[in-house]
C-alpha atoms as a PDB file:
ATOM      1  CA  MET A   1      13.650 -21.161  -9.843  1.00  0.00           C
ATOM      2  CA  ASN A   2      10.082 -20.940 -11.176  1.00  0.00           C
ATOM      3  CA  GLU A   3       8.007 -20.134  -8.089  1.00  0.00           C
ATOM      4  CA  LEU A   4       9.657 -18.561  -5.068  1.00  0.00           C
ATOM      5  CA  ASN A   5       8.800 -20.292  -1.792  1.00  0.00           C
ATOM      6  CA  VAL A   6       9.062 -17.926   1.162  1.00  0.00           C
ATOM      7  CA  ALA A   7       8.720 -18.389   4.911  1.00  0.00           C
ATOM      8  CA  LEU A   8       7.993 -15.563   7.357  1.00  0.00           C
ATOM      9  CA  VAL A   9       9.496 -15.085  10.821  1.00  0.00           C
ATOM     10  CA  GLY A  10       7.582 -12.342  12.667  1.00  0.00           C
ATOM     11  CA  CYS A  11       3.890 -11.672  12.033  1.00  0.00           C
ATOM     12  CA  GLY A  12       3.478  -8.147  13.434  1.00  0.00           C
ATOM     13  CA  PHE A  13       2.631  -4.950  11.573  1.00  0.00           C
ATOM     14  CA  PHE A  14       5.350  -5.081   8.929  1.00  0.00           C
ATOM     15  CA  GLY A  15       5.598  -8.858   8.810  1.00  0.00           C
ATOM     16  CA  LYS A  16       1.997  -8.837   7.619  1.00  0.00           C
ATOM     17  CA  GLN A  17       2.794  -6.178   5.034  1.00  0.00           C
ATOM     18  CA  LEU A  18       5.715  -8.219   3.690  1.00  0.00           C
ATOM     19  CA  ALA A  19       3.553 -11.338   3.530  1.00  0.00           C
ATOM     20  CA  LEU A  20       1.009  -9.389   1.458  1.00  0.00           C
ATOM     21  CA  SER A  21       3.692  -7.904  -0.805  1.00  0.00           C
ATOM     22  CA  PHE A  22       5.306 -11.258  -1.572  1.00  0.00           C
ATOM     23  CA  HIS A  23       1.867 -12.798  -2.116  1.00  0.00           C
ATOM     24  CA  LYS A  24       0.924 -10.036  -4.589  1.00  0.00           C
ATOM     25  CA  ALA A  25       4.227 -10.588  -6.408  1.00  0.00           C
ATOM     26  CA  GLY A  26       3.392 -14.250  -6.964  1.00  0.00           C
ATOM     27  CA  ALA A  27       5.571 -15.848  -4.282  1.00  0.00           C
ATOM     28  CA  ASN A  28       4.272 -18.843  -2.344  1.00  0.00           C
ATOM     29  CA  LEU A  29       4.058 -18.284   1.429  1.00  0.00           C
ATOM     30  CA  VAL A  30       4.821 -21.780   2.700  1.00  0.00           C
ATOM     31  CA  GLY A  31       4.675 -21.077   6.448  1.00  0.00           C
ATOM     32  CA  VAL A  32       4.964 -18.525   9.244  1.00  0.00           C
ATOM     33  CA  THR A  33       6.109 -18.315  12.852  1.00  0.00           C
ATOM     34  CA  ASP A  34       5.968 -15.763  15.662  1.00  0.00           C
ATOM     35  CA  ILE A  35       6.640 -15.705  19.409  1.00  0.00           C
ATOM     36  CA  ASN A  36       2.926 -14.852  19.628  1.00  0.00           C
ATOM     37  CA  PHE A  37       1.542 -18.063  18.151  1.00  0.00           C
ATOM     38  CA  GLN A  38      -1.949 -16.583  17.874  1.00  0.00           C
ATOM     39  CA  LEU A  39      -0.617 -13.941  15.465  1.00  0.00           C
ATOM     40  CA  ALA A  40       1.084 -16.637  13.411  1.00  0.00           C
ATOM     41  CA  ASN A  41      -2.113 -18.695  13.264  1.00  0.00           C
ATOM     42  CA  GLN A  42      -4.181 -15.718  12.144  1.00  0.00           C
ATOM     43  CA  LEU A  43      -1.809 -14.918   9.318  1.00  0.00           C
ATOM     44  CA  ALA A  44      -1.498 -18.560   8.302  1.00  0.00           C
ATOM     45  CA  GLU A  45      -5.270 -18.834   7.978  1.00  0.00           C
ATOM     46  CA  LYS A  46      -5.382 -15.734   5.768  1.00  0.00           C
ATOM     47  CA  TYR A  47      -2.948 -17.255   3.255  1.00  0.00           C
ATOM     48  CA  SER A  48      -4.078 -20.886   3.594  1.00  0.00           C
ATOM     49  CA  THR A  49      -0.701 -21.928   4.950  1.00  0.00           C
ATOM     50  CA  SER A  50       0.620 -23.260   8.282  1.00  0.00           C
ATOM     51  CA  ALA A  51       1.974 -21.729  11.484  1.00  0.00           C
ATOM     52  CA  TYR A  52       4.977 -23.337  13.148  1.00  0.00           C
ATOM     53  CA  ILE A  53       6.225 -23.199  16.723  1.00  0.00           C
ATOM     54  CA  ASP A  54       9.783 -22.039  15.950  1.00  0.00           C
ATOM     55  CA  VAL A  55      12.184 -21.190  13.147  1.00  0.00           C
ATOM     56  CA  PRO A  56      13.927 -24.586  12.754  1.00  0.00           C
ATOM     57  CA  THR A  57      10.582 -26.387  12.596  1.00  0.00           C
ATOM     58  CA  LEU A  58       9.295 -23.861  10.070  1.00  0.00           C
ATOM     59  CA  ILE A  59      12.277 -24.297   7.760  1.00  0.00           C
ATOM     60  CA  GLU A  60      12.597 -28.078   8.135  1.00  0.00           C
ATOM     61  CA  SER A  61       8.903 -28.507   7.371  1.00  0.00           C
ATOM     62  CA  THR A  62       8.675 -26.133   4.406  1.00  0.00           C
ATOM     63  CA  THR A  63      12.171 -25.952   2.803  1.00  0.00           C
ATOM     64  CA  PRO A  64      11.748 -22.338   1.618  1.00  0.00           C
ATOM     65  CA  ASP A  65      13.974 -20.582  -0.901  1.00  0.00           C
ATOM     66  CA  LEU A  66      13.837 -17.334   1.093  1.00  0.00           C
ATOM     67  CA  VAL A  67      13.258 -16.626   4.783  1.00  0.00           C
ATOM     68  CA  ILE A  68      11.781 -13.208   5.648  1.00  0.00           C
ATOM     69  CA  ILE A  69      12.780 -11.898   9.091  1.00  0.00           C
ATOM     70  CA  ALA A  70      10.513  -9.228  10.596  1.00  0.00           C
ATOM     71  CA  THR A  71      11.122  -9.751  14.300  1.00  0.00           C
ATOM     72  CA  PHE A  72      12.042  -7.146  16.927  1.00  0.00           C
ATOM     73  CA  ASN A  73      15.229  -5.300  15.901  1.00  0.00           C
ATOM     74  CA  TYR A  74      17.460  -6.978  18.480  1.00  0.00           C
ATOM     75  CA  ALA A  75      16.353 -10.460  17.380  1.00  0.00           C
ATOM     76  CA  HIS A  76      17.417 -10.569  13.722  1.00  0.00           C
ATOM     77  CA  MET A  77      20.644 -12.506  14.021  1.00  0.00           C
ATOM     78  CA  ALA A  78      19.489 -15.897  15.347  1.00  0.00           C
ATOM     79  CA  PRO A  79      16.828 -16.597  12.685  1.00  0.00           C
ATOM     80  CA  ALA A  80      19.153 -15.296   9.943  1.00  0.00           C
ATOM     81  CA  ILE A  81      21.936 -17.674  10.985  1.00  0.00           C
ATOM     82  CA  THR A  82      19.454 -20.542  11.223  1.00  0.00           C
ATOM     83  CA  ALA A  83      18.034 -19.814   7.775  1.00  0.00           C
ATOM     84  CA  LEU A  84      21.476 -19.591   6.159  1.00  0.00           C
ATOM     85  CA  ASN A  85      22.550 -22.842   7.794  1.00  0.00           C
ATOM     86  CA  TYR A  86      19.541 -24.442   6.084  1.00  0.00           C
ATOM     87  CA  ASP A  87      20.785 -22.972   2.770  1.00  0.00           C
ATOM     88  CA  CYS A  88      18.057 -20.341   2.427  1.00  0.00           C
ATOM     89  CA  HIS A  89      18.355 -16.814   1.146  1.00  0.00           C
ATOM     90  CA  VAL A  90      17.451 -14.175   3.754  1.00  0.00           C
ATOM     91  CA  PHE A  91      15.442 -10.957   3.727  1.00  0.00           C
ATOM     92  CA  ILE A  92      15.852  -8.903   6.926  1.00  0.00           C
ATOM     93  CA  GLU A  93      13.619  -5.966   7.765  1.00  0.00           C
ATOM     94  CA  VAL A  94      15.631  -2.934   8.883  1.00  0.00           C
ATOM     95  CA  PRO A  95      17.783  -2.462  10.764  1.00  0.00           C
ATOM     96  CA  PHE A  96      20.065  -5.309   9.655  1.00  0.00           C
ATOM     97  CA  ALA A  97      21.109  -5.795  13.316  1.00  0.00           C
ATOM     98  CA  LEU A  98      22.089  -3.668  16.309  1.00  0.00           C
ATOM     99  CA  GLU A  99      25.746  -4.732  16.399  1.00  0.00           C
ATOM    100  CA  PRO A 100      28.196  -4.572  13.460  1.00  0.00           C
ATOM    101  CA  GLN A 101      29.732  -7.902  14.465  1.00  0.00           C
ATOM    102  CA  ASP A 102      26.307  -9.554  14.110  1.00  0.00           C
ATOM    103  CA  CYS A 103      26.013  -8.152  10.580  1.00  0.00           C
ATOM    104  CA  LYS A 104      29.498  -9.401   9.749  1.00  0.00           C
ATOM    105  CA  GLN A 105      28.800 -12.889  11.057  1.00  0.00           C
ATOM    106  CA  ILE A 106      25.644 -13.105   8.956  1.00  0.00           C
ATOM    107  CA  MET A 107      27.399 -11.811   5.825  1.00  0.00           C
ATOM    108  CA  ASP A 108      30.393 -14.128   6.267  1.00  0.00           C
ATOM    109  CA  LEU A 109      28.085 -17.138   6.559  1.00  0.00           C
ATOM    110  CA  ALA A 110      26.009 -16.006   3.569  1.00  0.00           C
ATOM    111  CA  ARG A 111      29.136 -15.717   1.415  1.00  0.00           C
ATOM    112  CA  SER A 112      30.330 -19.165   2.494  1.00  0.00           C
ATOM    113  CA  LYS A 113      26.916 -20.585   1.565  1.00  0.00           C
ATOM    114  CA  ASN A 114      26.669 -18.540  -1.658  1.00  0.00           C
ATOM    115  CA  LYS A 115      23.360 -17.099  -0.461  1.00  0.00           C
ATOM    116  CA  ASN A 116      21.895 -13.607  -0.733  1.00  0.00           C
ATOM    117  CA  VAL A 117      21.103 -11.281   2.166  1.00  0.00           C
ATOM    118  CA  PHE A 118      18.555  -8.566   1.375  1.00  0.00           C
ATOM    119  CA  ILE A 119      18.098  -5.686   3.833  1.00  0.00           C
ATOM    120  CA  GLY A 120      14.723  -3.931   3.723  1.00  0.00           C
ATOM    121  CA  HIS A 121      15.929  -0.414   2.873  1.00  0.00           C
ATOM    122  CA  LEU A 122      12.775   0.133   0.841  1.00  0.00           C
ATOM    123  CA  LEU A 123      13.341   3.867   0.249  1.00  0.00           C
ATOM    124  CA  ARG A 124      16.280   2.954  -2.001  1.00  0.00           C
ATOM    125  CA  THR A 125      13.915   1.252  -4.436  1.00  0.00           C
ATOM    126  CA  LEU A 126      11.552   4.192  -5.058  1.00  0.00           C
ATOM    127  CA  PRO A 127      11.856   5.338  -8.695  1.00  0.00           C
ATOM    128  CA  GLY A 128      12.691   8.952  -7.759  1.00  0.00           C
ATOM    129  CA  VAL A 129      15.383   7.853  -5.297  1.00  0.00           C
ATOM    130  CA  MET A 130      16.840   5.461  -7.869  1.00  0.00           C
ATOM    131  CA  LYS A 131      17.023   8.384 -10.306  1.00  0.00           C
ATOM    132  CA  ALA A 132      18.866  10.475  -7.703  1.00  0.00           C
ATOM    133  CA  LYS A 133      21.370   7.650  -7.241  1.00  0.00           C
ATOM    134  CA  GLN A 134      21.904   7.518 -11.014  1.00  0.00           C
ATOM    135  CA  PHE A 135      22.536  11.283 -11.168  1.00  0.00           C
ATOM    136  CA  ILE A 136      25.204  10.922  -8.479  1.00  0.00           C
ATOM    137  CA  ASN A 137      26.774   7.894 -10.170  1.00  0.00           C
ATOM    138  CA  ASP A 138      26.826   9.776 -13.496  1.00  0.00           C
ATOM    139  CA  ASN A 139      28.616  12.733 -11.827  1.00  0.00           C
ATOM    140  CA  ILE A 140      25.829  15.134 -12.825  1.00  0.00           C
ATOM    141  CA  LEU A 141      26.476  17.200  -9.672  1.00  0.00           C
ATOM    142  CA  GLY A 142      30.236  17.193 -10.165  1.00  0.00           C
ATOM    143  CA  LYS A 143      32.356  17.040  -7.038  1.00  0.00           C
ATOM    144  CA  ILE A 144      30.010  16.593  -4.047  1.00  0.00           C
ATOM    145  CA  THR A 145      30.604  19.202  -1.350  1.00  0.00           C
ATOM    146  CA  VAL A 146      28.041  18.808   1.421  1.00  0.00           C
ATOM    147  CA  ALA A 147      24.850  16.907   2.260  1.00  0.00           C
ATOM    148  CA  ARG A 148      22.073  17.101   4.822  1.00  0.00           C
ATOM    149  CA  ALA A 149      19.410  14.597   5.857  1.00  0.00           C
ATOM    150  CA  THR A 150      16.424  15.171   8.134  1.00  0.00           C
ATOM    151  CA  ARG A 151      13.556  13.228   9.631  1.00  0.00           C
ATOM    152  CA  GLN A 152      12.047  15.747  12.013  1.00  0.00           C
ATOM    153  CA  ARG A 153       8.461  15.687  13.279  1.00  0.00           C
ATOM    154  CA  TRP A 154       6.319  15.841  16.380  1.00  0.00           C
ATOM    155  CA  ILE A 155       4.882  12.637  17.813  1.00  0.00           C
ATOM    156  CA  ASP A 156       2.952  12.540  21.074  1.00  0.00           C
ATOM    157  CA  SER A 157       3.933   9.910  23.607  1.00  0.00           C
ATOM    158  CA  ALA A 158       2.394   6.528  22.813  1.00  0.00           C
ATOM    159  CA  LEU A 159      -0.662   5.718  24.914  1.00  0.00           C
ATOM    160  CA  ASP A 160       0.446   2.094  25.108  1.00  0.00           C
ATOM    161  CA  LYS A 161       3.513   2.230  27.350  1.00  0.00           C
ATOM    162  CA  ASN A 162       4.241  -1.433  26.577  1.00  0.00           C
ATOM    163  CA  TRP A 163       4.553  -0.844  22.824  1.00  0.00           C
ATOM    164  CA  TRP A 164       7.809  -2.501  21.826  1.00  0.00           C
ATOM    165  CA  LYS A 165       9.086   0.530  19.927  1.00  0.00           C
ATOM    166  CA  ASN A 166       9.214   2.423  23.235  1.00  0.00           C
ATOM    167  CA  ASP A 167      11.835  -0.032  24.521  1.00  0.00           C
ATOM    168  CA  VAL A 168      15.358   0.888  23.395  1.00  0.00           C
ATOM    169  CA  LYS A 169      16.567  -2.597  24.380  1.00  0.00           C
ATOM    170  CA  LEU A 170      14.338  -4.029  21.647  1.00  0.00           C
ATOM    171  CA  THR A 171      14.813  -1.300  19.023  1.00  0.00           C
ATOM    172  CA  GLY A 172      18.314   0.040  19.650  1.00  0.00           C
ATOM    173  CA  GLY A 173      16.757   3.528  19.755  1.00  0.00           C
ATOM    174  CA  LYS A 174      15.456   5.778  16.985  1.00  0.00           C
ATOM    175  CA  LEU A 175      18.818   5.911  15.205  1.00  0.00           C
ATOM    176  CA  PHE A 176      18.471   2.186  14.462  1.00  0.00           C
ATOM    177  CA  ASN A 177      14.704   1.978  14.275  1.00  0.00           C
ATOM    178  CA  GLU A 178      14.551   4.818  11.727  1.00  0.00           C
ATOM    179  CA  ILE A 179      17.810   4.107   9.916  1.00  0.00           C
ATOM    180  CA  HIS A 180      16.601   4.857   6.378  1.00  0.00           C
ATOM    181  CA  GLU A 181      18.041   8.365   5.967  1.00  0.00           C
ATOM    182  CA  LEU A 182      21.423   7.351   7.377  1.00  0.00           C
ATOM    183  CA  ASP A 183      21.412   4.414   4.978  1.00  0.00           C
ATOM    184  CA  LEU A 184      20.657   6.692   2.037  1.00  0.00           C
ATOM    185  CA  LEU A 185      23.583   8.986   2.934  1.00  0.00           C
ATOM    186  CA  CYS A 186      25.901   5.952   3.011  1.00  0.00           C
ATOM    187  CA  TRP A 187      24.450   4.523  -0.209  1.00  0.00           C
ATOM    188  CA  PHE A 188      24.666   7.822  -2.080  1.00  0.00           C
ATOM    189  CA  LEU A 189      28.039   9.066  -0.828  1.00  0.00           C
ATOM    190  CA  GLY A 190      30.195   6.071   0.155  1.00  0.00           C
ATOM    191  CA  ASP A 191      32.396   5.340   3.144  1.00  0.00           C
ATOM    192  CA  ILE A 192      32.181   7.451   6.307  1.00  0.00           C
ATOM    193  CA  THR A 193      35.448   8.005   8.163  1.00  0.00           C
ATOM    194  CA  SER A 194      34.236   9.754  11.318  1.00  0.00           C
ATOM    195  CA  VAL A 195      31.070  10.615  13.201  1.00  0.00           C
ATOM    196  CA  TYR A 196      30.230  12.956  16.047  1.00  0.00           C
ATOM    197  CA  ALA A 197      26.773  12.622  17.566  1.00  0.00           C
ATOM    198  CA  GLN A 198      24.680  14.032  20.359  1.00  0.00           C
ATOM    199  CA  SER A 199      21.156  13.312  21.537  1.00  0.00           C
ATOM    200  CA  THR A 200      18.698  14.118  24.290  1.00  0.00           C
ATOM    201  CA  ASN A 201      15.030  13.943  25.272  1.00  0.00           C
ATOM    202  CA  ARG A 202      13.224  17.284  25.528  1.00  0.00           C
ATOM    203  CA  ALA A 203       9.553  16.535  24.900  1.00  0.00           C
ATOM    204  CA  HIS A 204       8.781  13.017  26.144  1.00  0.00           C
ATOM    205  CA  PRO A 205       9.591  12.874  29.879  1.00  0.00           C
ATOM    206  CA  ASP A 206       7.643   9.636  30.286  1.00  0.00           C
ATOM    207  CA  ASN A 207      10.299   7.770  28.251  1.00  0.00           C
ATOM    208  CA  LEU A 208      13.628   9.547  28.761  1.00  0.00           C
ATOM    209  CA  GLU A 209      15.752   6.666  27.415  1.00  0.00           C
ATOM    210  CA  ASN A 210      14.128   7.026  23.994  1.00  0.00           C
ATOM    211  CA  HIS A 211      15.774  10.233  22.800  1.00  0.00           C
ATOM    212  CA  ASP A 212      13.607  12.565  20.725  1.00  0.00           C
ATOM    213  CA  ILE A 213      16.447  14.739  19.345  1.00  0.00           C
ATOM    214  CA  ILE A 214      19.428  13.150  17.559  1.00  0.00           C
ATOM    215  CA  GLN A 215      22.123  15.054  15.652  1.00  0.00           C
ATOM    216  CA  LEU A 216      25.033  13.576  13.665  1.00  0.00           C
ATOM    217  CA  LEU A 217      28.007  15.216  11.950  1.00  0.00           C
ATOM    218  CA  LEU A 218      29.579  12.922   9.356  1.00  0.00           C
ATOM    219  CA  GLN A 219      32.831  13.055   7.391  1.00  0.00           C
ATOM    220  CA  PHE A 220      33.137  10.881   4.298  1.00  0.00           C
ATOM    221  CA  LYS A 221      36.255   9.339   2.780  1.00  0.00           C
ATOM    222  CA  SER A 222      35.634  11.491  -0.302  1.00  0.00           C
ATOM    223  CA  GLY A 223      35.915  14.665   1.785  1.00  0.00           C
ATOM    224  CA  VAL A 224      32.160  15.335   1.849  1.00  0.00           C
ATOM    225  CA  PHE A 225      30.744  16.744   5.081  1.00  0.00           C
ATOM    226  CA  ALA A 226      27.171  15.791   5.988  1.00  0.00           C
ATOM    227  CA  SER A 227      24.684  16.080   8.807  1.00  0.00           C
ATOM    228  CA  LEU A 228      21.683  14.069   9.948  1.00  0.00           C
ATOM    229  CA  GLU A 229      19.078  15.468  12.309  1.00  0.00           C
ATOM    230  CA  MET A 230      16.108  13.415  13.403  1.00  0.00           C
ATOM    231  CA  GLY A 231      13.609  13.020  16.183  1.00  0.00           C
ATOM    232  CA  THR A 232      10.059  13.564  17.387  1.00  0.00           C
ATOM    233  CA  ALA A 233      10.330  16.904  19.224  1.00  0.00           C
ATOM    234  CA  TYR A 234       9.981  19.138  16.141  1.00  0.00           C
ATOM    235  CA  ARG A 235       6.744  21.057  15.542  1.00  0.00           C
ATOM    236  CA  LEU A 236       7.793  22.003  11.992  1.00  0.00           C
ATOM    237  CA  HIS A 237       8.157  18.793  10.017  1.00  0.00           C
ATOM    238  CA  GLU A 238      11.039  18.044   7.640  1.00  0.00           C
ATOM    239  CA  TRP A 239      11.830  14.752   5.942  1.00  0.00           C
ATOM    240  CA  GLY A 240      14.333  14.608   3.164  1.00  0.00           C
ATOM    241  CA  ILE A 241      17.891  14.715   1.859  1.00  0.00           C
ATOM    242  CA  SER A 242      19.776  17.480   0.039  1.00  0.00           C
ATOM    243  CA  ILE A 243      23.087  16.850  -1.717  1.00  0.00           C
ATOM    244  CA  HIS A 244      25.165  19.727  -3.102  1.00  0.00           C
ATOM    245  CA  GLY A 245      27.946  19.640  -5.663  1.00  0.00           C
ATOM    246  CA  GLU A 246      30.035  21.999  -7.764  1.00  0.00           C
ATOM    247  CA  ARG A 247      27.612  21.715 -10.704  1.00  0.00           C
ATOM    248  CA  GLY A 248      24.299  21.632  -8.875  1.00  0.00           C
ATOM    249  CA  ALA A 249      22.183  20.068  -6.157  1.00  0.00           C
ATOM    250  CA  LEU A 250      19.451  17.526  -5.736  1.00  0.00           C
ATOM    251  CA  VAL A 251      16.755  17.500  -3.087  1.00  0.00           C
ATOM    252  CA  ILE A 252      14.630  14.513  -2.123  1.00  0.00           C
ATOM    253  CA  ASN A 253      11.524  15.689  -0.259  1.00  0.00           C
ATOM    254  CA  PHE A 254       9.581  12.777   1.170  1.00  0.00           C
ATOM    255  CA  TYR A 255       6.796  15.015   2.451  1.00  0.00           C
ATOM    256  CA  ASN A 256       5.858  16.195  -1.028  1.00  0.00           C
ATOM    257  CA  SER A 257       7.095  13.011  -2.744  1.00  0.00           C
ATOM    258  CA  THR A 258       9.469  14.729  -5.158  1.00  0.00           C
ATOM    259  CA  MET A 259      13.102  14.677  -6.222  1.00  0.00           C
ATOM    260  CA  THR A 260      14.373  17.959  -7.667  1.00  0.00           C
ATOM    261  CA  LEU A 261      17.605  18.426  -9.624  1.00  0.00           C
ATOM    262  CA  THR A 262      18.857  22.000  -9.939  1.00  0.00           C
ATOM    263  CA  LEU A 263      22.010  22.718 -11.978  1.00  0.00           C
ATOM    264  CA  SER A 264      24.330  25.719 -11.793  1.00  0.00           C
ATOM    265  CA  ASP A 265      23.203  26.894 -15.256  1.00  0.00           C
ATOM    266  CA  GLY A 266      19.668  27.351 -13.922  1.00  0.00           C
ATOM    267  CA  THR A 267      18.287  24.112 -15.373  1.00  0.00           C
ATOM    268  CA  ARG A 268      15.728  22.531 -13.049  1.00  0.00           C
ATOM    269  CA  GLN A 269      13.954  19.182 -13.270  1.00  0.00           C
ATOM    270  CA  GLN A 270      11.449  17.691 -10.860  1.00  0.00           C
ATOM    271  CA  PHE A 271      10.451  14.037 -10.590  1.00  0.00           C
ATOM    272  CA  ASN A 272       7.902  12.232  -8.457  1.00  0.00           C
ATOM    273  CA  LEU A 273       9.192   9.534  -6.104  1.00  0.00           C
ATOM    274  CA  TYR A 274       6.673   6.981  -7.413  1.00  0.00           C
ATOM    275  CA  ASP A 275       5.561   6.158 -10.919  1.00  0.00           C
ATOM    276  CA  GLU A 276       1.890   6.329  -9.930  1.00  0.00           C
ATOM    277  CA  PHE A 277      -0.104   9.348  -8.789  1.00  0.00           C
ATOM    278  CA  GLU A 278      -2.007   7.578  -6.002  1.00  0.00           C
ATOM    279  CA  ALA A 279       1.141   6.536  -4.121  1.00  0.00           C
ATOM    280  CA  ASP A 280       2.652  10.026  -4.446  1.00  0.00           C
ATOM    281  CA  LEU A 281      -0.589  11.537  -3.149  1.00  0.00           C
ATOM    282  CA  SER A 282      -0.649   9.107  -0.209  1.00  0.00           C
ATOM    283  CA  LEU A 283       2.887  10.104   0.805  1.00  0.00           C
ATOM    284  CA  ARG A 284       2.001  13.795   0.554  1.00  0.00           C
ATOM    285  CA  GLU A 285      -1.109  13.301   2.648  1.00  0.00           C
ATOM    286  CA  SER A 286       0.843  11.358   5.284  1.00  0.00           C
ATOM    287  CA  GLY A 287       2.984  14.420   5.912  1.00  0.00           C
ATOM    288  CA  LYS A 288      -0.065  16.185   7.337  1.00  0.00           C
ATOM    289  CA  SER A 289      -0.648  13.608  10.065  1.00  0.00           C
ATOM    290  CA  ILE A 290       1.142  11.208  12.369  1.00  0.00           C
ATOM    291  CA  GLN A 291       1.501   7.669  11.061  1.00  0.00           C
ATOM    292  CA  LYS A 292       0.470   5.046  13.610  1.00  0.00           C
ATOM    293  CA  TYR A 293       2.396   1.778  13.606  1.00  0.00           C
ATOM    294  CA  ASN A 294       1.507   0.485  17.063  1.00  0.00           C
ATOM    295  CA  GLU A 295      -1.705  -1.233  16.050  1.00  0.00           C
ATOM    296  CA  ILE A 296      -0.943  -4.739  14.833  1.00  0.00           C
ATOM    297  CA  ASN A 297      -4.079  -4.985  12.709  1.00  0.00           C
ATOM    298  CA  ALA A 298      -3.786  -1.463  11.262  1.00  0.00           C
ATOM    299  CA  LEU A 299      -3.529  -1.122   7.502  1.00  0.00           C
ATOM    300  CA  ALA A 300      -0.371   0.374   6.040  1.00  0.00           C
ATOM    301  CA  PRO A 301      -0.936   3.602   4.086  1.00  0.00           C
ATOM    302  CA  LEU A 302      -0.805   3.226   0.321  1.00  0.00           C
ATOM    303  CA  TRP A 303       2.617   4.867  -0.043  1.00  0.00           C
ATOM    304  CA  LEU A 304       4.163   2.395   2.405  1.00  0.00           C
ATOM    305  CA  SER A 305       2.458  -0.663   0.951  1.00  0.00           C
ATOM    306  CA  ARG A 306       3.547   0.360  -2.562  1.00  0.00           C
ATOM    307  CA  ALA A 307       7.125   0.902  -1.364  1.00  0.00           C
ATOM    308  CA  SER A 308       7.048  -2.583   0.151  1.00  0.00           C
ATOM    309  CA  GLU A 309       5.707  -4.058  -3.080  1.00  0.00           C
ATOM    310  CA  ILE A 310       8.437  -2.339  -5.123  1.00  0.00           C
ATOM    311  CA  GLU A 311      11.232  -3.589  -2.850  1.00  0.00           C
ATOM    312  CA  VAL A 312       9.801  -7.121  -2.883  1.00  0.00           C
ATOM    313  CA  GLN A 313       9.710  -7.062  -6.673  1.00  0.00           C
ATOM    314  CA  THR A 314      13.450  -6.306  -6.720  1.00  0.00           C
ATOM    315  CA  VAL A 315      14.091  -9.296  -4.430  1.00  0.00           C
ATOM    316  CA  ILE A 316      12.129 -11.674  -6.643  1.00  0.00           C
ATOM    317  CA  GLN A 317      13.765 -10.352  -9.821  1.00  0.00           C
ATOM    318  CA  HIS A 318      17.184 -10.796  -8.202  1.00  0.00           C
ATOM    319  CA  LEU A 319      16.488 -14.423  -7.302  1.00  0.00           C
ATOM    320  CA  THR A 320      14.616 -15.443 -10.446  1.00  0.00           C
ATOM    321  CA  ASP A 321      15.875 -13.171 -13.248  1.00  0.00           C
ATOM    322  CA  ASN A 322      19.458 -12.317 -12.164  1.00  0.00           C
ATOM    323  CA  ALA A 323      18.525  -8.613 -11.918  1.00  0.00           C
ATOM    324  CA  VAL A 324      20.648  -7.335  -9.031  1.00  0.00           C
ATOM    325  CA  SER A 325      18.613  -5.762  -6.226  1.00  0.00           C
ATOM    326  CA  VAL A 326      19.897  -2.575  -4.580  1.00  0.00           C
ATOM    327  CA  LEU A 327      18.876  -4.192  -1.281  1.00  0.00           C
ATOM    328  CA  THR A 328      22.054  -6.307  -1.460  1.00  0.00           C
ATOM    329  CA  GLU A 329      24.388  -3.282  -1.789  1.00  0.00           C
ATOM    330  CA  GLN A 330      26.331  -1.969   1.227  1.00  0.00           C
ATOM    331  CA  PRO A 331      24.216  -3.943   3.690  1.00  0.00           C
ATOM    332  CA  MET A 332      26.275  -3.175   6.812  1.00  0.00           C
ATOM    333  CA  ASP A 333      27.288   0.464   6.377  1.00  0.00           C
ATOM    334  CA  ALA A 334      24.379   2.184   8.114  1.00  0.00           C
ATOM    335  CA  VAL A 335      24.582  -0.124  11.140  1.00  0.00           C
ATOM    336  CA  ILE A 336      28.333   0.481  11.469  1.00  0.00           C
ATOM    337  CA  VAL A 337      27.785   4.257  11.437  1.00  0.00           C
ATOM    338  CA  ALA A 338      24.764   4.095  13.754  1.00  0.00           C
ATOM    339  CA  HIS A 339      26.777   2.041  16.237  1.00  0.00           C
ATOM    340  CA  ALA A 340      29.642   4.552  16.055  1.00  0.00           C
ATOM    341  CA  ALA A 341      27.162   7.399  16.607  1.00  0.00           C
ATOM    342  CA  LYS A 342      25.780   5.626  19.665  1.00  0.00           C
ATOM    343  CA  THR A 343      29.343   5.308  20.990  1.00  0.00           C
ATOM    344  CA  SER A 344      29.956   8.982  20.251  1.00  0.00           C
ATOM    345  CA  ILE A 345      26.864   9.955  22.247  1.00  0.00           C
ATOM    346  CA  GLN A 346      27.981   7.834  25.191  1.00  0.00           C
ATOM    347  CA  ARG A 347      31.594   9.061  25.168  1.00  0.00           C
ATOM    348  CA  LYS A 348      30.863  12.648  24.037  1.00  0.00           C
ATOM    349  CA  MET A 349      33.614  12.480  21.454  1.00  0.00           C
ATOM    350  CA  GLN A 350      34.210  12.046  17.717  1.00  0.00           C
ATOM    351  CA  ILE A 351      34.536   8.409  16.642  1.00  0.00           C
ATOM    352  CA  ASN A 352      36.877   7.461  13.806  1.00  0.00           C
ATOM    353  CA  LEU A 353      35.868   4.464  11.706  1.00  0.00           C
ATOM    354  CA  ALA A 354      38.498   2.003  10.558  1.00  0.00           C
END
């Protein structure tokens, strides 16, 4: 495969970012589609390609190697199944899907077709996060004891009440829409055997269904206990993951763009999350303000665009150079746990995972 031909389904904020990232990486954008055909046309003009009325027409007309899916969260399954049935590889922006059985159906079909499914967990691909994963794999921390993940900040209610991310039917709620930290816990620490979750809305009475406080208690097959707390009702901001073991601990702090390893003998090492100063600085600066994603034509901040470019590079290297992308590892785990947490919230009980 010399030049990678890609087609895009979904031309909103992050669809545009993915189109730019694949373009920068040397891929050929052969066509786009969106339920808003005007958006598709605008993006097609930018990249001198064509807009198509629907997914089958797009794929039949362009025969892409890879189909990128950046639709609303609830609408990932149908285009993924269509793309796989046309023998295309698939890249799906997170979350993979809102139902574990949808993920399973997609993965079963992909295996039968010998095709790859990449899930856009872009935080996995940051150099500092990759280094943290290597430390864990190399048993640098020894036996892991406990872990904690947070994504806590304050966000005012959106002025646009019709913004799709306000609609839990489209997003699945914040636990799905902001699934990155849960995914990292699964990716770092392995299988989760039980989850207890609770959530509420304390600060956004104009949208009570969209809970602004979510708390999870997780038990892993290895015996590790972990917690995840997230939401938009927190005046003091936290965003990161800490993992503790018998020999030391590591802390990933997304607000200051660092990963710190501290060992029991007092040894301490600190690494930046990116390999370039400008992207680290952008992430640090973003912690001082609220990132706006509800403007379709808004530009992504540098840290986010660089993260997208890094993840896209791993996809292309996987397909062209046989360098396995971490975006193919444990694709379903976070959705399975998020779905169990949603059930736990509804039933007010601990959910055991088979």
